[in-house]
Amino acid sequence: MTRPLRILLSAEVRQALAPAIAGVLGPRAFELLTAAEAEAAQADVDLAFISRDVTGLSTKHVLTDGLQAFYAALRRSAAPQWVHIHSAGADRPIYPELRARGVQVTTSSGANAEVVAHTALAGLLALARRFPQLMAAQQARLWAPLVGEAQAPRDLAGQTAVVVGWGPIGQRLGAFLRLLGLRLVVVRQSSTPVGGEGAETVSFAGLSAVLPRADWLVLACPLTAQTRGLVNREALAALPAGACLVNVARGEVVVESDLVEAMKEGRLGGAYLDVFEHEPLGRDSPLWGLANVIVTPHSAGHSDGNHRRVCELFLANLARWHAGQPLQHTVA
């Protein structure tokens, strides 16, 4: 007798989605197992949904016990078929490991794109309006208005933003920047112009040629062999004096020591950083205390609507999987 389909998920998601999963699978027999239950029964699982509550406060460098238990269940299973993850990126080490075993891995690309774009825009605007300087004055109880030519922030209209990565986040952010009057240069895999945007487009190989025109270098790309270390000492030196960096991509896209050096030497005007080479960012990192650097703890994509959107993507893909159709947002 064929055993029921086994789906690995959290207790919270099981409680919320069990009726919807039953609706998708119809008469097919299935079991919804937590990692602890799979461990206790030494049960092989077929599918898995790694939701945000499973990842918790883990990073790809430091794992919570709950996430490690999930990974252990997947590694122990003889033939898992598909894993859906809550994030847009799939650069944690386990995902290539699973794919090498023939497991399909799908992401929640687009679920938090609007939120990340909002956060990147907030970081850019905070730097443009010199909020770090103003907040430092607030903490010192100083009345220090931005008066005079040397203090006055530059108008954003007419400045140039080089946006690296043209997925859902880059596209949404690009639309916001155009509304503010910025000129847009898009850097992506292909130099074919992005459709209907009228923006200059170059490939990753052409990045160095456009950096001298960048008032803003905005990173919204996935971490790949091509983008790892893309923004290094040479790239930062190519930026004009006073240019600013916004990174909502992955920390490893930037060579952190080179960025610290550029900031300390005053070559850059500022940086908004939500991601880092090692997370959590060490307490001894100089980035915490550098003037005109805004640090946030990999939180650009968090909002109260993300869980619902991610669950909807999972259920839609579950319906495709059940019907034998290709899955969306599959990691190649």
Protein backbone atom coordinates (compact mmCIF):
# COMPACT_ATOMS: atom_id res chain seq x y z
CA MET A 1 0.00 0.00 0.00
CA THR A 2 1.34 3.42 -0.96
CA ARG A 3 2.02 5.60 2.06
CA PRO A 4 0.55 9.10 2.33
CA LEU A 5 2.39 12.07 0.89
CA ARG A 6 4.44 13.66 3.66
CA ILE A 7 4.88 17.43 3.82
CA LEU A 8 7.35 18.99 6.26
CA LEU A 9 6.28 22.34 7.70
CA SER A 10 5.98 24.27 10.94
CA ALA A 11 3.21 23.73 13.49
CA GLU A 12 2.06 27.30 12.90
CA VAL A 13 1.76 26.85 9.13
CA ARG A 14 0.10 23.45 9.57
CA GLN A 15 -2.60 24.98 11.71
CA ALA A 16 -3.15 27.83 9.26
CA LEU A 17 -2.93 25.95 5.96
CA ALA A 18 -4.16 22.41 6.62
CA PRO A 19 -7.64 23.05 5.14
CA ALA A 20 -6.17 24.81 2.08
CA ILE A 21 -3.66 22.00 1.52
CA ALA A 22 -6.48 19.46 1.76
CA GLY A 23 -8.41 21.47 -0.80
CA VAL A 24 -5.47 21.42 -3.21
CA LEU A 25 -4.67 17.71 -2.81
CA GLY A 26 -8.28 16.54 -2.85
CA PRO A 27 -8.66 12.79 -2.23
CA ARG A 28 -4.91 12.20 -2.09
CA ALA A 29 -3.78 10.97 1.33
CA PHE A 30 -1.21 13.20 3.03
CA GLU A 31 0.46 13.87 6.37
CA LEU A 32 1.67 17.24 7.62
CA LEU A 33 4.72 16.73 9.82
CA THR A 34 6.83 19.10 11.90
CA ALA A 35 10.58 18.50 12.07
CA ALA A 36 10.23 17.08 15.59
CA GLU A 37 7.54 14.64 14.46
CA ALA A 38 9.57 13.57 11.44
CA GLU A 39 12.56 12.98 13.71
CA ALA A 40 10.56 11.00 16.26
CA ALA A 41 9.10 8.74 13.58
CA GLN A 42 12.27 8.66 11.49
CA ALA A 43 9.92 9.49 8.63
CA ASP A 44 11.00 10.35 5.13
CA VAL A 45 9.40 13.55 3.83
CA ASP A 46 8.48 14.28 0.22
CA LEU A 47 7.84 18.01 0.22
CA ALA A 48 8.81 20.85 2.55
CA PHE A 49 7.80 24.44 3.17
CA ILE A 50 10.48 26.47 4.96
CA SER A 51 8.47 29.44 6.19
CA ARG A 52 9.80 32.52 7.97
CA ASP A 53 8.90 31.15 11.40
CA VAL A 54 11.10 28.12 10.69
CA THR A 55 14.08 30.28 9.74
CA GLY A 56 13.43 32.58 12.69
CA LEU A 57 16.52 34.54 13.68
CA SER A 58 18.83 32.24 11.74
CA THR A 59 21.21 33.57 9.17
CA LYS A 60 23.06 31.45 6.65
CA HIS A 61 26.06 31.63 8.97
CA VAL A 62 24.32 30.99 12.32
CA LEU A 63 21.45 28.48 12.47
CA THR A 64 18.81 28.11 15.18
CA ASP A 65 18.02 24.63 16.50
CA GLY A 66 14.63 24.71 14.78
CA LEU A 67 16.09 25.35 11.35
CA GLN A 68 18.80 22.74 11.86
CA ALA A 69 16.09 20.21 12.70
CA PHE A 70 14.33 21.04 9.42
CA TYR A 71 17.56 20.61 7.49
CA ALA A 72 18.24 17.31 9.27
CA ALA A 73 14.81 15.97 8.26
CA LEU A 74 15.47 16.85 4.63
CA ARG A 75 18.95 15.36 4.65
CA ARG A 76 17.73 12.16 6.31
CA SER A 77 14.87 11.66 3.82
CA ALA A 78 15.62 9.24 1.01
CA ALA A 79 14.04 11.14 -1.86
CA PRO A 80 12.56 14.57 -1.11
CA GLN A 81 11.08 16.02 -4.26
CA TRP A 82 10.41 19.70 -3.71
CA VAL A 83 11.22 22.40 -1.13
CA HIS A 84 9.60 25.84 -1.11
CA ILE A 85 11.34 28.66 0.79
CA HIS A 86 10.03 31.95 2.08
CA SER A 87 12.90 34.06 0.75
CA ALA A 88 13.60 35.38 -2.73
CA GLY A 89 17.23 34.25 -2.58
CA ALA A 90 18.42 30.66 -2.43
CA ASP A 91 22.09 31.13 -1.52
CA ARG A 92 22.08 29.19 1.76
CA PRO A 93 24.44 26.19 1.45
CA ILE A 94 21.70 23.58 1.83
CA TYR A 95 19.90 24.57 -1.35
CA PRO A 96 22.67 23.62 -3.82
CA GLU A 97 23.08 20.46 -1.74
CA LEU A 98 19.41 19.57 -2.21
CA ARG A 99 19.44 20.46 -5.89
CA ALA A 100 22.44 18.17 -6.41
CA ARG A 101 20.18 15.38 -5.12
CA GLY A 102 17.53 16.24 -7.70
CA VAL A 103 15.27 18.18 -5.34
CA GLN A 104 13.37 21.08 -6.87
CA VAL A 105 13.81 24.29 -4.86
CA THR A 106 11.39 27.16 -5.37
CA THR A 107 11.60 30.65 -3.91
CA SER A 108 9.07 33.29 -2.95
CA SER A 109 10.44 35.77 -5.47
CA GLY A 110 8.33 38.91 -5.57
CA ALA A 111 6.51 38.33 -2.27
CA ASN A 112 8.45 41.05 -0.48
CA ALA A 113 9.67 43.05 -3.50
CA GLU A 114 7.47 46.05 -2.75
CA VAL A 115 8.58 46.13 0.89
CA VAL A 116 12.29 45.82 0.04
CA ALA A 117 11.94 48.56 -2.56
CA HIS A 118 10.28 50.79 0.04
CA THR A 119 13.13 50.14 2.48
CA ALA A 120 15.83 50.78 -0.11
CA LEU A 121 14.09 54.02 -1.06
CA ALA A 122 13.86 55.00 2.61
CA GLY A 123 17.60 54.40 3.01
CA LEU A 124 18.37 56.42 -0.09
CA LEU A 125 16.15 59.30 1.02
CA ALA A 126 17.61 59.23 4.53
CA LEU A 127 21.11 59.61 3.10
CA ALA A 128 20.00 62.22 0.56
CA ARG A 129 18.36 64.31 3.29
CA ARG A 130 21.33 63.76 5.65
CA PHE A 131 19.34 62.05 8.37
CA PRO A 132 22.43 60.39 9.91
CA GLN A 133 23.94 63.84 10.46
CA LEU A 134 20.67 65.24 11.79
CA MET A 135 20.11 62.28 14.11
CA ALA A 136 23.64 62.58 15.47
CA ALA A 137 22.88 66.22 16.23
CA GLN A 138 19.64 65.14 17.93
CA GLN A 139 21.51 62.70 20.18
CA ALA A 140 23.95 65.49 21.05
CA ARG A 141 21.01 67.89 21.68
CA LEU A 142 22.37 70.28 19.07
CA TRP A 143 20.26 72.59 16.92
CA ALA A 144 22.11 72.18 13.63
CA PRO A 145 19.96 73.04 10.61
CA LEU A 146 21.32 72.24 7.16
CA VAL A 147 21.86 75.85 6.19
CA GLY A 148 24.44 77.13 3.77
CA GLU A 149 25.81 75.83 0.49
CA ALA A 150 28.13 73.31 2.12
CA GLN A 151 25.35 71.89 4.31
CA ALA A 152 22.38 71.92 1.98
CA PRO A 153 21.43 68.51 0.54
CA ARG A 154 21.52 68.20 -3.24
CA ASP A 155 18.29 67.99 -5.19
CA LEU A 156 17.62 64.38 -6.19
CA ALA A 157 16.11 65.32 -9.55
CA GLY A 158 18.78 64.99 -12.22
CA GLN A 159 21.02 62.67 -10.22
CA THR A 160 21.91 59.24 -11.59
CA ALA A 161 21.11 55.95 -9.89
CA VAL A 162 22.87 52.81 -11.09
CA VAL A 163 20.60 49.91 -10.12
CA VAL A 164 22.32 46.53 -10.16
CA GLY A 165 19.75 43.76 -10.62
CA TRP A 166 16.47 44.03 -12.49
CA GLY A 167 14.23 41.50 -10.81
CA PRO A 168 11.00 42.43 -9.00
CA ILE A 169 12.86 44.56 -6.41
CA GLY A 170 15.02 46.44 -8.90
CA GLN A 171 12.09 47.13 -11.20
CA ARG A 172 9.89 48.48 -8.42
CA LEU A 173 12.67 50.60 -6.99
CA GLY A 174 13.51 51.87 -10.45
CA ALA A 175 9.93 53.10 -10.85
CA PHE A 176 10.15 54.99 -7.55
CA LEU A 177 13.46 56.61 -8.50
CA ARG A 178 12.16 57.73 -11.87
CA LEU A 179 9.20 59.38 -10.14
CA LEU A 180 11.69 61.37 -8.07
CA GLY A 181 13.39 62.59 -11.24
CA LEU A 182 16.53 60.44 -11.13
CA ARG A 183 18.19 59.15 -14.27
CA LEU A 184 18.34 55.38 -14.28
CA VAL A 185 21.11 53.04 -15.41
CA VAL A 186 20.22 49.35 -15.15
CA VAL A 187 22.91 46.70 -14.72
CA ARG A 188 21.83 43.12 -15.33
CA GLN A 189 22.81 39.91 -17.09
CA SER A 190 22.02 41.26 -20.55
CA SER A 191 22.66 44.69 -22.05
CA THR A 192 19.38 44.46 -23.97
CA PRO A 193 17.40 47.56 -22.94
CA VAL A 194 14.72 46.92 -20.34
CA GLY A 195 11.38 47.00 -22.06
CA GLY A 196 9.34 50.17 -21.94
CA GLU A 197 11.50 51.86 -19.30
CA GLY A 198 13.72 54.05 -21.46
CA ALA A 199 16.59 53.41 -19.07
CA GLU A 200 20.17 52.89 -20.14
CA THR A 201 21.04 49.22 -19.73
CA VAL A 202 24.40 47.52 -19.46
CA SER A 203 25.55 44.02 -18.57
CA PHE A 204 27.53 43.22 -15.42
CA ALA A 205 30.66 43.42 -17.54
CA GLY A 206 29.79 47.05 -18.31
CA LEU A 207 29.41 48.13 -14.69
CA SER A 208 32.82 49.79 -14.47
CA ALA A 209 32.00 52.04 -17.41
CA VAL A 210 28.92 53.56 -15.75
CA LEU A 211 30.19 53.87 -12.18
CA PRO A 212 31.87 57.28 -12.74
CA ARG A 213 28.38 58.70 -13.43
CA ALA A 214 26.68 57.15 -10.41
CA ASP A 215 25.45 59.41 -7.64
CA TRP A 216 23.79 56.30 -6.21
CA LEU A 217 24.90 52.69 -6.55
CA VAL A 218 21.91 50.54 -5.59
CA LEU A 219 22.37 46.77 -5.25
CA ALA A 220 19.28 44.59 -5.71
CA CYS A 221 20.82 41.55 -7.40
CA PRO A 222 21.01 37.90 -6.36
CA LEU A 223 24.25 36.46 -5.06
CA THR A 224 25.92 34.46 -7.82
CA ALA A 225 29.45 33.66 -8.86
CA GLN A 226 29.23 36.74 -11.08
CA THR A 227 28.04 39.15 -8.40
CA ARG A 228 30.12 37.93 -5.45
CA GLY A 229 32.67 40.66 -4.69
CA LEU A 230 31.32 42.78 -7.57
CA VAL A 231 31.66 46.00 -5.56
CA ASN A 232 35.31 45.97 -4.57
CA ARG A 233 38.05 48.56 -4.07
CA GLU A 234 38.30 49.25 -7.80
CA ALA A 235 34.54 49.69 -8.21
CA LEU A 236 34.28 51.98 -5.20
CA ALA A 237 37.23 54.05 -6.45
CA ALA A 238 35.44 54.49 -9.79
CA LEU A 239 32.48 56.19 -8.11
CA PRO A 240 32.54 59.99 -8.02
CA ALA A 241 33.37 61.64 -4.73
CA GLY A 242 30.31 61.81 -2.51
CA ALA A 243 28.43 58.96 -4.19
CA CYS A 244 26.36 56.73 -1.93
CA LEU A 245 25.82 52.98 -1.77
CA VAL A 246 22.54 51.19 -1.01
CA ASN A 247 22.70 47.42 -0.52
CA VAL A 248 19.52 45.35 -0.16
CA ALA A 249 20.95 42.45 -2.18
CA ARG A 250 23.42 40.21 -0.35
CA GLY A 251 26.36 41.25 1.79
CA GLU A 252 28.86 39.23 -0.23
CA VAL A 253 28.20 41.39 -3.31
CA VAL A 254 30.33 44.04 -1.55
CA VAL A 255 33.87 43.53 -0.30
CA GLU A 256 33.20 44.87 3.17
CA SER A 257 36.79 45.79 4.07
CA ASP A 258 37.05 47.83 0.88
CA LEU A 259 33.82 49.65 1.72
CA VAL A 260 35.05 50.44 5.23
CA GLU A 261 38.26 51.81 3.77
CA ALA A 262 36.39 54.00 1.28
CA MET A 263 34.11 55.36 4.01
CA LYS A 264 36.97 56.08 6.40
CA GLU A 265 38.86 57.93 3.68
CA GLY A 266 35.80 60.06 2.94
CA ARG A 267 35.51 59.03 -0.69
CA LEU A 268 31.85 58.05 -0.35
CA GLY A 269 29.01 60.22 0.86
CA GLY A 270 27.28 57.44 2.77
CA ALA A 271 25.89 53.94 2.71
CA TYR A 272 22.67 52.20 3.64
CA LEU A 273 23.39 48.51 4.37
CA ASP A 274 20.81 45.86 5.22
CA VAL A 275 23.03 42.86 4.41
CA PHE A 276 26.57 41.87 5.33
CA GLU A 277 29.33 39.41 4.50
CA HIS A 278 28.73 37.67 7.83
CA GLU A 279 25.42 37.85 9.65
CA PRO A 280 24.76 38.78 12.36
CA LEU A 281 27.16 41.67 11.88
CA GLY A 282 29.88 41.35 14.51
CA ARG A 283 29.84 43.81 17.38
CA ASP A 284 33.41 44.76 16.51
CA SER A 285 32.58 45.72 12.91
CA PRO A 286 33.59 49.33 12.18
CA LEU A 287 30.40 49.72 10.13
CA TRP A 288 28.36 50.23 13.30
CA GLY A 289 30.13 53.46 14.15
CA LEU A 290 30.99 55.03 10.80
CA ALA A 291 29.47 58.42 10.10
CA ASN A 292 26.84 58.43 7.33
CA VAL A 293 26.43 54.65 7.44
CA ILE A 294 22.97 53.28 8.22
CA VAL A 295 22.96 49.65 9.37
CA THR A 296 19.81 47.51 9.60
CA PRO A 297 19.73 43.79 10.52
CA HIS A 298 18.68 42.16 7.22
CA SER A 299 15.17 43.49 7.74
CA ALA A 300 14.45 45.27 4.46
CA GLY A 301 11.82 42.75 3.42
CA HIS A 302 9.91 42.31 6.68
CA SER A 303 6.26 43.30 6.85
CA ASP A 304 3.03 41.89 8.26
CA GLY A 305 1.73 40.92 4.81
CA ASN A 306 4.69 38.80 3.72
CA HIS A 307 3.59 35.56 5.39
CA ARG A 308 0.26 35.59 3.57
CA ARG A 309 1.90 36.25 0.21
CA VAL A 310 4.49 33.50 0.73
CA CYS A 311 1.79 31.01 1.74
CA GLU A 312 -0.18 31.88 -1.38
CA LEU A 313 2.88 31.19 -3.53
CA PHE A 314 3.42 27.85 -1.78
CA LEU A 315 -0.21 26.79 -2.28
CA ALA A 316 -0.16 27.85 -5.92
CA ASN A 317 2.98 25.80 -6.51
CA LEU A 318 1.53 22.87 -4.57
CA ALA A 319 -1.40 22.88 -7.00
CA ARG A 320 1.04 22.83 -9.91
CA TRP A 321 3.08 20.04 -8.35
CA HIS A 322 -0.06 17.99 -7.71
CA ALA A 323 -1.13 18.48 -11.32
CA GLY A 324 2.30 17.57 -12.68
CA GLN A 325 2.87 21.08 -14.01
CA PRO A 326 6.14 23.07 -13.94
CA LEU A 327 6.69 24.99 -10.71
CA GLN A 328 7.13 28.75 -10.59
CA HIS A 329 10.27 30.47 -9.27
CA THR A 330 12.37 27.32 -9.54
CA VAL A 331 16.05 27.76 -8.73
CA ALA A 332 18.00 26.86 -11.86
